[in-house]
Amino acid sequence: YIYSMEHRAMRLLSRRYDLTATGYKYLEIGISVGPPSYVEIALGDHCGHELSLSLETQLVECELLALVFNTQKKNRIK
């Protein structure tokens, strides 16, 4: 009998932000410690379901936010 369990890095210094008024769904941002340590962004609900966003997804989101920020900044200058 082979038992395999995915090892999950421990999340430190995490902060949970409610996405709904009731707190049913949330966004959690934290530092996952393990080889290697990294910032983890996850979407979840109070039933225990959680979707961890990959590093590639996080990088795309940062690029999109920077693009939006720069566009808004240029529009304010005009």
Protein backbone atom coordinates (compact mmCIF):
# COMPACT_ATOMS: atom_id res chain seq x y z
CA TYR A 1 0.00 0.00 0.00
CA ILE A 2 1.51 3.29 -1.12
CA TYR A 3 0.23 6.44 0.53
CA SER A 4 1.02 9.68 -1.23
CA MET A 5 0.16 13.05 0.18
CA GLU A 6 1.09 16.34 -1.41
CA HIS A 7 3.30 18.35 0.94
CA ARG A 8 1.98 21.86 1.39
CA ALA A 9 4.36 24.58 2.48
CA MET A 10 3.47 26.36 5.68
CA ARG A 11 1.91 29.79 5.08
CA LEU A 12 3.21 32.55 7.38
CA LEU A 13 2.22 36.18 7.78
CA SER A 14 -0.95 35.63 5.81
CA ARG A 15 -3.80 38.09 5.56
CA ARG A 16 -7.34 37.17 4.57
CA TYR A 17 -9.57 39.65 2.72
CA ASP A 18 -13.31 38.97 2.47
CA LEU A 19 -14.67 39.10 -1.06
CA THR A 20 -18.32 39.01 0.03
CA ALA A 21 -20.21 40.83 2.78
CA THR A 22 -20.79 37.54 4.62
CA GLY A 23 -17.15 36.43 4.36
CA TYR A 24 -18.18 33.29 2.44
CA LYS A 25 -15.42 33.84 -0.15
CA TYR A 26 -12.01 35.33 0.53
CA LEU A 27 -8.64 36.21 -0.93
CA GLU A 28 -5.63 35.19 1.17
CA ILE A 29 -2.11 36.49 0.64
CA GLY A 30 0.78 35.00 2.58
CA ILE A 31 4.38 33.85 2.54
CA SER A 32 4.81 30.11 2.03
CA VAL A 33 7.93 28.78 3.71
CA GLY A 34 9.77 25.85 2.22
CA PRO A 35 12.36 25.25 -0.39
CA PRO A 36 11.88 27.80 -1.99
CA SER A 37 9.88 30.42 -0.05
CA TYR A 38 7.42 32.47 -2.10
CA VAL A 39 4.39 34.73 -1.88
CA GLU A 40 1.19 32.72 -2.22
CA ILE A 41 -2.15 34.13 -3.32
CA ALA A 42 -5.20 31.93 -2.85
CA LEU A 43 -8.95 32.22 -3.38
CA GLY A 44 -11.12 30.24 -0.98
CA ASP A 45 -14.45 29.81 0.77
CA HIS A 46 -15.58 28.88 4.27
CA CYS A 47 -16.18 25.25 3.19
CA GLY A 48 -12.43 24.71 2.94
CA HIS A 49 -12.11 24.90 -0.85
CA GLU A 50 -9.02 26.81 -1.91
CA LEU A 51 -7.43 27.65 -5.24
CA SER A 52 -3.81 28.72 -5.08
CA LEU A 53 -2.77 31.01 -7.94
CA SER A 54 0.43 30.02 -9.73
CA LEU A 55 3.46 32.28 -9.93
CA GLU A 56 2.84 32.78 -13.66
CA THR A 57 -0.71 33.96 -12.96
CA GLN A 58 0.55 36.35 -10.29
CA LEU A 59 3.12 37.83 -12.69
CA VAL A 60 0.48 38.40 -15.37
CA GLU A 61 -1.78 40.07 -12.80
CA CYS A 62 1.07 42.38 -11.71
CA GLU A 63 1.77 43.33 -15.33
CA LEU A 64 -1.93 44.08 -15.93
CA LEU A 65 -2.17 46.17 -12.75
CA ALA A 66 0.93 48.14 -13.76
CA LEU A 67 -0.55 48.75 -17.21
CA VAL A 68 -3.83 49.99 -15.72
CA PHE A 69 -2.01 52.17 -13.19
CA ASN A 70 0.21 53.74 -15.86
CA THR A 71 -2.79 54.37 -18.13
CA GLN A 72 -4.69 56.07 -15.31
CA LYS A 73 -1.63 58.14 -14.41
CA LYS A 74 -1.24 59.33 -18.03
CA ASN A 75 -4.94 60.24 -18.20
CA ARG A 76 -4.67 62.37 -15.04
CA ILE A 77 -1.71 64.31 -16.44
CA LYS A 78 -3.58 65.36 -19.61
